[in-house]
Amino acid sequence: MTLDKNYNMSLRTTLRNNKTVRGRRWTIRKDKEGFVSEVKMIFKPEEYEKFKSARTMYGDKDLLNLLEQNYEKKKNNS
């Protein structure tokens, strides 16, 4: 799923307003400028981490921090 500006805001807002879910993991992809361009939820993290091509996984709090930093960077670059 590719994030447009509005979706990024709603995911950030959702994570901020709701309780974290224990064990839920996310991966991200960044574009050339270092902005978050894609977020994927991993349904079976214990299986996913066995793959050689597995990306770094983030919990809800870590993802929220990354999205907040991404939002601030975009706001400052505008």
C-alpha atoms as a PDB file:
ATOM      1  CA  MET A   1       0.000   0.000   0.000  1.00  0.00           C
ATOM      2  CA  THR A   2       1.466   3.310  -1.028  1.00  0.00           C
ATOM      3  CA  LEU A   3       0.788   6.189   1.310  1.00  0.00           C
ATOM      4  CA  ASP A   4      -0.621   9.423   0.090  1.00  0.00           C
ATOM      5  CA  LYS A   5      -0.507  12.458   2.348  1.00  0.00           C
ATOM      6  CA  ASN A   6      -4.003  11.922   3.790  1.00  0.00           C
ATOM      7  CA  TYR A   7      -3.519   8.229   4.544  1.00  0.00           C
ATOM      8  CA  ASN A   8      -0.239   8.898   6.318  1.00  0.00           C
ATOM      9  CA  MET A   9      -2.060  11.401   8.503  1.00  0.00           C
ATOM     10  CA  SER A  10      -4.864   8.997   9.363  1.00  0.00           C
ATOM     11  CA  LEU A  11      -2.489   6.138  10.211  1.00  0.00           C
ATOM     12  CA  ARG A  12      -0.440   8.478  12.384  1.00  0.00           C
ATOM     13  CA  THR A  13      -3.598   9.767  14.054  1.00  0.00           C
ATOM     14  CA  THR A  14      -4.985   6.258  14.533  1.00  0.00           C
ATOM     15  CA  LEU A  15      -1.795   5.040  16.187  1.00  0.00           C
ATOM     16  CA  ARG A  16      -1.670   8.133  18.363  1.00  0.00           C
ATOM     17  CA  ASN A  17      -5.298   7.872  19.528  1.00  0.00           C
ATOM     18  CA  ASN A  18      -5.644   4.091  19.985  1.00  0.00           C
ATOM     19  CA  LYS A  19      -3.902   1.718  22.345  1.00  0.00           C
ATOM     20  CA  THR A  20      -0.942  -0.216  21.023  1.00  0.00           C
ATOM     21  CA  VAL A  21      -1.450  -3.860  20.112  1.00  0.00           C
ATOM     22  CA  ARG A  22       1.086  -6.218  21.600  1.00  0.00           C
ATOM     23  CA  GLY A  23       2.897  -8.213  18.942  1.00  0.00           C
ATOM     24  CA  ARG A  24       1.734  -6.148  15.971  1.00  0.00           C
ATOM     25  CA  ARG A  25       4.642  -5.382  13.657  1.00  0.00           C
ATOM     26  CA  TRP A  26       5.125  -3.071  10.698  1.00  0.00           C
ATOM     27  CA  THR A  27       7.714  -2.627   7.952  1.00  0.00           C
ATOM     28  CA  ILE A  28       8.390   0.594   6.091  1.00  0.00           C
ATOM     29  CA  ARG A  29       9.907   1.681   2.805  1.00  0.00           C
ATOM     30  CA  LYS A  30      11.474   5.096   2.310  1.00  0.00           C
ATOM     31  CA  ASP A  31      11.847   7.088  -0.894  1.00  0.00           C
ATOM     32  CA  LYS A  32      15.039   8.720  -2.173  1.00  0.00           C
ATOM     33  CA  GLU A  33      14.506  11.793   0.022  1.00  0.00           C
ATOM     34  CA  GLY A  34      14.182   9.638   3.150  1.00  0.00           C
ATOM     35  CA  PHE A  35      10.430  10.072   3.579  1.00  0.00           C
ATOM     36  CA  VAL A  36       8.226   7.103   4.455  1.00  0.00           C
ATOM     37  CA  SER A  37       6.537   6.002   1.246  1.00  0.00           C
ATOM     38  CA  GLU A  38       5.064   2.640   2.226  1.00  0.00           C
ATOM     39  CA  VAL A  39       3.914   0.935   5.422  1.00  0.00           C
ATOM     40  CA  LYS A  40       2.949  -2.728   5.630  1.00  0.00           C
ATOM     41  CA  MET A  41       1.584  -4.628   8.588  1.00  0.00           C
ATOM     42  CA  ILE A  42       3.176  -8.027   9.142  1.00  0.00           C
ATOM     43  CA  PHE A  43       0.613 -10.621  10.217  1.00  0.00           C
ATOM     44  CA  LYS A  44       3.023 -13.380  11.292  1.00  0.00           C
ATOM     45  CA  PRO A  45       6.230 -11.670  12.483  1.00  0.00           C
ATOM     46  CA  GLU A  46       7.798 -14.891  13.760  1.00  0.00           C
ATOM     47  CA  GLU A  47       7.593 -16.392  10.252  1.00  0.00           C
ATOM     48  CA  TYR A  48       8.550 -13.168   8.464  1.00  0.00           C
ATOM     49  CA  GLU A  49      11.815 -12.699  10.351  1.00  0.00           C
ATOM     50  CA  LYS A  50      13.089 -16.065   9.060  1.00  0.00           C
ATOM     51  CA  PHE A  51      13.307 -14.733   5.486  1.00  0.00           C
ATOM     52  CA  LYS A  52      16.671 -13.409   4.324  1.00  0.00           C
ATOM     53  CA  SER A  53      15.006 -10.447   2.651  1.00  0.00           C
ATOM     54  CA  ALA A  54      13.072  -9.473   5.799  1.00  0.00           C
ATOM     55  CA  ARG A  55      13.101  -5.771   6.558  1.00  0.00           C
ATOM     56  CA  THR A  56      13.357  -4.232   9.989  1.00  0.00           C
ATOM     57  CA  MET A  57      10.081  -4.554  11.842  1.00  0.00           C
ATOM     58  CA  TYR A  58       8.678  -1.862  14.109  1.00  0.00           C
ATOM     59  CA  GLY A  59       6.072  -2.001  16.847  1.00  0.00           C
ATOM     60  CA  ASP A  60       3.212   0.481  17.093  1.00  0.00           C
ATOM     61  CA  LYS A  61       5.129   2.987  19.240  1.00  0.00           C
ATOM     62  CA  ASP A  62       8.227   2.872  17.041  1.00  0.00           C
ATOM     63  CA  LEU A  63       6.142   3.277  13.886  1.00  0.00           C
ATOM     64  CA  LEU A  64       4.321   6.220  15.429  1.00  0.00           C
ATOM     65  CA  ASN A  65       7.658   7.875  16.226  1.00  0.00           C
ATOM     66  CA  LEU A  66       8.842   7.342  12.620  1.00  0.00           C
ATOM     67  CA  LEU A  67       5.597   8.758  11.201  1.00  0.00           C
ATOM     68  CA  GLU A  68       5.810  11.778  13.529  1.00  0.00           C
ATOM     69  CA  GLN A  69       9.396  12.449  12.397  1.00  0.00           C
ATOM     70  CA  ASN A  70       8.329  11.979   8.767  1.00  0.00           C
ATOM     71  CA  TYR A  71       5.451  14.438   9.249  1.00  0.00           C
ATOM     72  CA  GLU A  72       7.733  17.058  10.814  1.00  0.00           C
ATOM     73  CA  LYS A  73      10.302  16.675   8.002  1.00  0.00           C
ATOM     74  CA  LYS A  74       7.635  17.118   5.343  1.00  0.00           C
ATOM     75  CA  LYS A  75       6.136  20.093   7.176  1.00  0.00           C
ATOM     76  CA  ASN A  76       9.550  21.784   7.409  1.00  0.00           C
ATOM     77  CA  ASN A  77      10.357  21.107   3.732  1.00  0.00           C
ATOM     78  CA  SER A  78       7.109  22.617   2.476  1.00  0.00           C
END
